[in-house]
Amino acid sequence: MDDRVPVVVHELADGGRRVTINGEPVGRATSIADLVEFLRRAGLDEADVILDDPTLIEWRGGGPDVWTELPS
């Protein structure tokens, strides 16, 4: 059995965060709404998604509250 986390939200780059599900790229999310849509398309019901569940989602480069570049 594969013990990888099924969803990875990657570091912020180019105005969004790349999302992979089961190792396959599904798009670039610019908000939680985008991420939830990717998960819905992958067959996950929004009611079953807990954003801080580390067995479902691995957040790289910040958690679910990081969607924009910080001012320099």
PDB file of N, CA and C in Angstrom:
ATOM      1  N   MET A   1       0.835  -1.193   0.000  1.00  0.00           N
ATOM      2  CA  MET A   1       0.000   0.000   0.000  1.00  0.00           C
ATOM      3  C   MET A   1       0.868   1.241   0.000  1.00  0.00           C
ATOM      4  N   ASP A   2       0.464   2.236  -0.785  1.00  0.00           N
ATOM      5  CA  ASP A   2       1.192   3.487  -0.886  1.00  0.00           C
ATOM      6  C   ASP A   2       0.858   4.350   0.325  1.00  0.00           C
ATOM      7  N   ASP A   3       1.896   4.819   1.058  1.00  0.00           N
ATOM      8  CA  ASP A   3       1.621   5.622   2.246  1.00  0.00           C
ATOM      9  C   ASP A   3       1.785   7.114   1.997  1.00  0.00           C
ATOM     10  N   ARG A   4       1.851   7.517   0.742  1.00  0.00           N
ATOM     11  CA  ARG A   4       1.921   8.944   0.436  1.00  0.00           C
ATOM     12  C   ARG A   4       0.585   9.614   0.742  1.00  0.00           C
ATOM     13  N   VAL A   5       0.638  10.893   1.047  1.00  0.00           N
ATOM     14  CA  VAL A   5      -0.582  11.672   1.222  1.00  0.00           C
ATOM     15  C   VAL A   5      -1.177  11.876  -0.169  1.00  0.00           C
ATOM     16  N   PRO A   6      -2.479  11.621  -0.341  1.00  0.00           N
ATOM     17  CA  PRO A   6      -3.048  11.665  -1.684  1.00  0.00           C
ATOM     18  C   PRO A   6      -3.079  13.046  -2.336  1.00  0.00           C
ATOM     19  N   VAL A   7      -3.223  14.113  -1.548  1.00  0.00           N
ATOM     20  CA  VAL A   7      -3.305  15.462  -2.107  1.00  0.00           C
ATOM     21  C   VAL A   7      -2.124  16.273  -1.596  1.00  0.00           C
ATOM     22  N   VAL A   8      -1.404  16.921  -2.522  1.00  0.00           N
ATOM     23  CA  VAL A   8      -0.314  17.810  -2.132  1.00  0.00           C
ATOM     24  C   VAL A   8      -0.606  19.182  -2.708  1.00  0.00           C
ATOM     25  N   VAL A   9      -0.600  20.187  -1.832  1.00  0.00           N
ATOM     26  CA  VAL A   9      -0.723  21.582  -2.250  1.00  0.00           C
ATOM     27  C   VAL A   9       0.683  22.157  -2.126  1.00  0.00           C
ATOM     28  N   HIS A  10       1.277  22.479  -3.265  1.00  0.00           N
ATOM     29  CA  HIS A  10       2.677  22.873  -3.320  1.00  0.00           C
ATOM     30  C   HIS A  10       2.876  24.346  -2.980  1.00  0.00           C
ATOM     31  N   GLU A  11       4.137  24.744  -2.861  1.00  0.00           N
ATOM     32  CA  GLU A  11       4.497  26.108  -2.507  1.00  0.00           C
ATOM     33  C   GLU A  11       3.884  27.112  -3.477  1.00  0.00           C
ATOM     34  N   LEU A  12       3.611  28.307  -2.969  1.00  0.00           N
ATOM     35  CA  LEU A  12       3.090  29.398  -3.772  1.00  0.00           C
ATOM     36  C   LEU A  12       4.110  29.802  -4.822  1.00  0.00           C
ATOM     37  N   ALA A  13       3.664  29.898  -6.075  1.00  0.00           N
ATOM     38  CA  ALA A  13       4.521  30.337  -7.173  1.00  0.00           C
ATOM     39  C   ALA A  13       3.636  30.814  -8.313  1.00  0.00           C
ATOM     40  N   ASP A  14       4.035  31.892  -8.949  1.00  0.00           N
ATOM     41  CA  ASP A  14       3.307  32.398 -10.106  1.00  0.00           C
ATOM     42  C   ASP A  14       1.827  32.641  -9.825  1.00  0.00           C
ATOM     43  N   GLY A  15       1.516  33.164  -8.642  1.00  0.00           N
ATOM     44  CA  GLY A  15       0.153  33.549  -8.320  1.00  0.00           C
ATOM     45  C   GLY A  15      -0.773  32.434  -7.885  1.00  0.00           C
ATOM     46  N   GLY A  16      -0.245  31.255  -7.665  1.00  0.00           N
ATOM     47  CA  GLY A  16      -1.100  30.156  -7.228  1.00  0.00           C
ATOM     48  C   GLY A  16      -0.268  29.029  -6.652  1.00  0.00           C
ATOM     49  N   ARG A  17      -0.959  27.979  -6.289  1.00  0.00           N
ATOM     50  CA  ARG A  17      -0.297  26.811  -5.717  1.00  0.00           C
ATOM     51  C   ARG A  17      -0.661  25.588  -6.542  1.00  0.00           C
ATOM     52  N   ARG A  18       0.364  24.914  -7.048  1.00  0.00           N
ATOM     53  CA  ARG A  18       0.159  23.705  -7.835  1.00  0.00           C
ATOM     54  C   ARG A  18      -0.436  22.631  -6.933  1.00  0.00           C
ATOM     55  N   VAL A  19      -1.376  21.871  -7.472  1.00  0.00           N
ATOM     56  CA  VAL A  19      -2.036  20.811  -6.717  1.00  0.00           C
ATOM     57  C   VAL A  19      -1.833  19.494  -7.450  1.00  0.00           C
ATOM     58  N   THR A  20      -1.420  18.470  -6.692  1.00  0.00           N
ATOM     59  CA  THR A  20      -1.330  17.124  -7.249  1.00  0.00           C
ATOM     60  C   THR A  20      -2.218  16.209  -6.418  1.00  0.00           C
ATOM     61  N   ILE A  21      -2.865  15.275  -7.110  1.00  0.00           N
ATOM     62  CA  ILE A  21      -3.687  14.277  -6.435  1.00  0.00           C
ATOM     63  C   ILE A  21      -3.197  12.913  -6.891  1.00  0.00           C
ATOM     64  N   ASN A  22      -2.792  12.098  -5.926  1.00  0.00           N
ATOM     65  CA  ASN A  22      -2.207  10.782  -6.210  1.00  0.00           C
ATOM     66  C   ASN A  22      -1.049  10.886  -7.187  1.00  0.00           C
ATOM     67  N   GLY A  23      -0.239  11.939  -7.012  1.00  0.00           N
ATOM     68  CA  GLY A  23       0.953  12.123  -7.821  1.00  0.00           C
ATOM     69  C   GLY A  23       0.723  12.744  -9.184  1.00  0.00           C
ATOM     70  N   GLU A  24      -0.518  12.997  -9.559  1.00  0.00           N
ATOM     71  CA  GLU A  24      -0.845  13.577 -10.863  1.00  0.00           C
ATOM     72  C   GLU A  24      -1.207  15.051 -10.709  1.00  0.00           C
ATOM     73  N   PRO A  25      -0.608  15.932 -11.531  1.00  0.00           N
ATOM     74  CA  PRO A  25      -0.976  17.348 -11.456  1.00  0.00           C
ATOM     75  C   PRO A  25      -2.419  17.557 -11.920  1.00  0.00           C
ATOM     76  N   VAL A  26      -3.163  18.365 -11.153  1.00  0.00           N
ATOM     77  CA  VAL A  26      -4.555  18.637 -11.507  1.00  0.00           C
ATOM     78  C   VAL A  26      -4.805  20.108 -11.790  1.00  0.00           C
ATOM     79  N   GLY A  27      -3.850  20.967 -11.481  1.00  0.00           N
ATOM     80  CA  GLY A  27      -4.012  22.383 -11.785  1.00  0.00           C
ATOM     81  C   GLY A  27      -3.347  23.269 -10.756  1.00  0.00           C
ATOM     82  N   ARG A  28      -3.600  24.574 -10.911  1.00  0.00           N
ATOM     83  CA  ARG A  28      -3.044  25.583 -10.020  1.00  0.00           C
ATOM     84  C   ARG A  28      -4.202  26.255  -9.299  1.00  0.00           C
ATOM     85  N   ALA A  29      -4.201  26.158  -7.984  1.00  0.00           N
ATOM     86  CA  ALA A  29      -5.251  26.766  -7.168  1.00  0.00           C
ATOM     87  C   ALA A  29      -4.819  28.155  -6.723  1.00  0.00           C
ATOM     88  N   THR A  30      -5.757  29.096  -6.766  1.00  0.00           N
ATOM     89  CA  THR A  30      -5.489  30.436  -6.267  1.00  0.00           C
ATOM     90  C   THR A  30      -6.302  30.722  -5.009  1.00  0.00           C
ATOM     91  N   SER A  31      -7.074  29.726  -4.576  1.00  0.00           N
ATOM     92  CA  SER A  31      -7.904  29.883  -3.381  1.00  0.00           C
ATOM     93  C   SER A  31      -8.370  28.512  -2.905  1.00  0.00           C
ATOM     94  N   ILE A  32      -8.961  28.506  -1.724  1.00  0.00           N
ATOM     95  CA  ILE A  32      -9.559  27.277  -1.191  1.00  0.00           C
ATOM     96  C   ILE A  32     -10.644  26.779  -2.143  1.00  0.00           C
ATOM     97  N   ALA A  33     -11.411  27.711  -2.723  1.00  0.00           N
ATOM     98  CA  ALA A  33     -12.487  27.309  -3.641  1.00  0.00           C
ATOM     99  C   ALA A  33     -11.934  26.511  -4.815  1.00  0.00           C
ATOM    100  N   ASP A  34     -10.785  26.922  -5.365  1.00  0.00           N
ATOM    101  CA  ASP A  34     -10.162  26.168  -6.455  1.00  0.00           C
ATOM    102  C   ASP A  34      -9.774  24.770  -5.982  1.00  0.00           C
ATOM    103  N   LEU A  35      -9.161  24.699  -4.805  1.00  0.00           N
ATOM    104  CA  LEU A  35      -8.738  23.410  -4.275  1.00  0.00           C
ATOM    105  C   LEU A  35      -9.940  22.485  -4.079  1.00  0.00           C
ATOM    106  N   VAL A  36     -11.007  23.004  -3.500  1.00  0.00           N
ATOM    107  CA  VAL A  36     -12.211  22.202  -3.272  1.00  0.00           C
ATOM    108  C   VAL A  36     -12.777  21.707  -4.609  1.00  0.00           C
ATOM    109  N   GLU A  37     -12.722  22.535  -5.644  1.00  0.00           N
ATOM    110  CA  GLU A  37     -13.200  22.108  -6.967  1.00  0.00           C
ATOM    111  C   GLU A  37     -12.333  20.977  -7.520  1.00  0.00           C
ATOM    112  N   PHE A  38     -11.011  21.065  -7.373  1.00  0.00           N
ATOM    113  CA  PHE A  38     -10.136  19.976  -7.825  1.00  0.00           C
ATOM    114  C   PHE A  38     -10.477  18.681  -7.087  1.00  0.00           C
ATOM    115  N   LEU A  39     -10.710  18.803  -5.785  1.00  0.00           N
ATOM    116  CA  LEU A  39     -11.041  17.619  -4.995  1.00  0.00           C
ATOM    117  C   LEU A  39     -12.389  17.044  -5.417  1.00  0.00           C
ATOM    118  N   ARG A  40     -13.350  17.909  -5.712  1.00  0.00           N
ATOM    119  CA  ARG A  40     -14.664  17.447  -6.176  1.00  0.00           C
ATOM    120  C   ARG A  40     -14.527  16.680  -7.487  1.00  0.00           C
ATOM    121  N   ARG A  41     -13.735  17.227  -8.402  1.00  0.00           N
ATOM    122  CA  ARG A  41     -13.520  16.551  -9.694  1.00  0.00           C
ATOM    123  C   ARG A  41     -12.843  15.201  -9.520  1.00  0.00           C
ATOM    124  N   ALA A  42     -12.059  15.069  -8.439  1.00  0.00           N
ATOM    125  CA  ALA A  42     -11.376  13.800  -8.163  1.00  0.00           C
ATOM    126  C   ALA A  42     -12.281  12.818  -7.424  1.00  0.00           C
ATOM    127  N   GLY A  43     -13.520  13.239  -7.136  1.00  0.00           N
ATOM    128  CA  GLY A  43     -14.469  12.334  -6.513  1.00  0.00           C
ATOM    129  C   GLY A  43     -14.640  12.495  -5.015  1.00  0.00           C
ATOM    130  N   LEU A  44     -14.023  13.513  -4.440  1.00  0.00           N
ATOM    131  CA  LEU A  44     -14.179  13.743  -2.999  1.00  0.00           C
ATOM    132  C   LEU A  44     -15.315  14.721  -2.757  1.00  0.00           C
ATOM    133  N   ASP A  45     -16.207  14.375  -1.863  1.00  0.00           N
ATOM    134  CA  ASP A  45     -17.321  15.242  -1.505  1.00  0.00           C
ATOM    135  C   ASP A  45     -16.811  16.349  -0.585  1.00  0.00           C
ATOM    136  N   GLU A  46     -17.217  17.577  -0.860  1.00  0.00           N
ATOM    137  CA  GLU A  46     -16.771  18.719  -0.056  1.00  0.00           C
ATOM    138  C   GLU A  46     -17.050  18.503   1.430  1.00  0.00           C
ATOM    139  N   ALA A  47     -18.144  17.852   1.761  1.00  0.00           N
ATOM    140  CA  ALA A  47     -18.500  17.606   3.161  1.00  0.00           C
ATOM    141  C   ALA A  47     -17.505  16.661   3.846  1.00  0.00           C
ATOM    142  N   ASP A  48     -16.794  15.862   3.068  1.00  0.00           N
ATOM    143  CA  ASP A  48     -15.841  14.908   3.629  1.00  0.00           C
ATOM    144  C   ASP A  48     -14.416  15.450   3.707  1.00  0.00           C
ATOM    145  N   VAL A  49     -14.196  16.653   3.180  1.00  0.00           N
ATOM    146  CA  VAL A  49     -12.847  17.213   3.121  1.00  0.00           C
ATOM    147  C   VAL A  49     -12.576  18.055   4.365  1.00  0.00           C
ATOM    148  N   ILE A  50     -11.531  17.669   5.086  1.00  0.00           N
ATOM    149  CA  ILE A  50     -11.064  18.446   6.224  1.00  0.00           C
ATOM    150  C   ILE A  50      -9.686  18.974   5.839  1.00  0.00           C
ATOM    151  N   LEU A  51      -9.597  20.297   5.657  1.00  0.00           N
ATOM    152  CA  LEU A  51      -8.391  20.897   5.096  1.00  0.00           C
ATOM    153  C   LEU A  51      -7.144  20.686   5.942  1.00  0.00           C
ATOM    154  N   ASP A  52      -7.293  20.507   7.244  1.00  0.00           N
ATOM    155  CA  ASP A  52      -6.106  20.308   8.072  1.00  0.00           C
ATOM    156  C   ASP A  52      -5.875  18.834   8.429  1.00  0.00           C
ATOM    157  N   ASP A  53      -6.467  17.936   7.639  1.00  0.00           N
ATOM    158  CA  ASP A  53      -6.264  16.495   7.844  1.00  0.00           C
ATOM    159  C   ASP A  53      -4.978  16.072   7.144  1.00  0.00           C
ATOM    160  N   PRO A  54      -3.911  15.803   7.907  1.00  0.00           N
ATOM    161  CA  PRO A  54      -2.630  15.467   7.277  1.00  0.00           C
ATOM    162  C   PRO A  54      -2.629  14.119   6.560  1.00  0.00           C
ATOM    163  N   THR A  55      -3.643  13.292   6.767  1.00  0.00           N
ATOM    164  CA  THR A  55      -3.709  12.037   6.024  1.00  0.00           C
ATOM    165  C   THR A  55      -4.314  12.248   4.639  1.00  0.00           C
ATOM    166  N   LEU A  56      -4.931  13.403   4.406  1.00  0.00           N
ATOM    167  CA  LEU A  56      -5.532  13.719   3.108  1.00  0.00           C
ATOM    168  C   LEU A  56      -4.717  14.746   2.335  1.00  0.00           C
ATOM    169  N   ILE A  57      -4.303  15.838   3.019  1.00  0.00           N
ATOM    170  CA  ILE A  57      -3.644  16.946   2.329  1.00  0.00           C
ATOM    171  C   ILE A  57      -2.308  17.260   2.987  1.00  0.00           C
ATOM    172  N   GLU A  58      -1.270  17.322   2.159  1.00  0.00           N
ATOM    173  CA  GLU A  58       0.043  17.795   2.601  1.00  0.00           C
ATOM    174  C   GLU A  58       0.203  19.217   2.083  1.00  0.00           C
ATOM    175  N   TRP A  59       0.377  20.150   2.998  1.00  0.00           N
ATOM    176  CA  TRP A  59       0.565  21.555   2.642  1.00  0.00           C
ATOM    177  C   TRP A  59       2.054  21.856   2.643  1.00  0.00           C
ATOM    178  N   ARG A  60       2.579  22.311   1.511  1.00  0.00           N
ATOM    179  CA  ARG A  60       3.993  22.662   1.414  1.00  0.00           C
ATOM    180  C   ARG A  60       4.114  24.174   1.236  1.00  0.00           C
ATOM    181  N   GLY A  61       4.949  24.790   2.044  1.00  0.00           N
ATOM    182  CA  GLY A  61       5.163  26.221   1.916  1.00  0.00           C
ATOM    183  C   GLY A  61       4.038  27.055   2.500  1.00  0.00           C
ATOM    184  N   GLY A  62       3.347  26.526   3.482  1.00  0.00           N
ATOM    185  CA  GLY A  62       2.267  27.259   4.135  1.00  0.00           C
ATOM    186  C   GLY A  62       0.984  26.473   4.088  1.00  0.00           C
ATOM    187  N   GLY A  63       0.114  26.769   5.032  1.00  0.00           N
ATOM    188  CA  GLY A  63      -1.136  26.036   5.155  1.00  0.00           C
ATOM    189  C   GLY A  63      -2.250  26.607   4.308  1.00  0.00           C
ATOM    190  N   PRO A  64      -3.482  26.277   4.655  1.00  0.00           N
ATOM    191  CA  PRO A  64      -4.628  26.676   3.845  1.00  0.00           C
ATOM    192  C   PRO A  64      -4.910  28.171   3.834  1.00  0.00           C
ATOM    193  N   ASP A  65      -4.176  28.949   4.636  1.00  0.00           N
ATOM    194  CA  ASP A  65      -4.390  30.390   4.643  1.00  0.00           C
ATOM    195  C   ASP A  65      -3.387  31.135   3.758  1.00  0.00           C
ATOM    196  N   VAL A  66      -2.492  30.431   3.062  1.00  0.00           N
ATOM    197  CA  VAL A  66      -1.472  31.072   2.230  1.00  0.00           C
ATOM    198  C   VAL A  66      -1.845  30.935   0.748  1.00  0.00           C
ATOM    199  N   TRP A  67      -2.298  32.050   0.155  1.00  0.00           N
ATOM    200  CA  TRP A  67      -2.687  32.048  -1.251  1.00  0.00           C
ATOM    201  C   TRP A  67      -2.109  33.209  -2.053  1.00  0.00           C
ATOM    202  N   THR A  68      -1.492  34.160  -1.377  1.00  0.00           N
ATOM    203  CA  THR A  68      -0.921  35.310  -2.083  1.00  0.00           C
ATOM    204  C   THR A  68       0.499  35.549  -1.617  1.00  0.00           C
ATOM    205  N   GLU A  69       1.260  36.189  -2.471  1.00  0.00           N
ATOM    206  CA  GLU A  69       2.639  36.555  -2.131  1.00  0.00           C
ATOM    207  C   GLU A  69       2.625  37.614  -1.046  1.00  0.00           C
ATOM    208  N   LEU A  70       3.522  37.489  -0.112  1.00  0.00           N
ATOM    209  CA  LEU A  70       3.674  38.531   0.893  1.00  0.00           C
ATOM    210  C   LEU A  70       4.432  39.699   0.299  1.00  0.00           C
ATOM    211  N   PRO A  71       4.068  40.937   0.650  1.00  0.00           N
ATOM    212  CA  PRO A  71       4.811  42.089   0.111  1.00  0.00           C
ATOM    213  C   PRO A  71       6.269  42.051   0.547  1.00  0.00           C
ATOM    214  N   SER A  72       7.176  42.490  -0.350  1.00  0.00           N
ATOM    215  CA  SER A  72       8.600  42.480   0.010  1.00  0.00           C
ATOM    216  C   SER A  72       9.015  43.759   0.672  1.00  0.00           C
TER     217      SER A  72
END
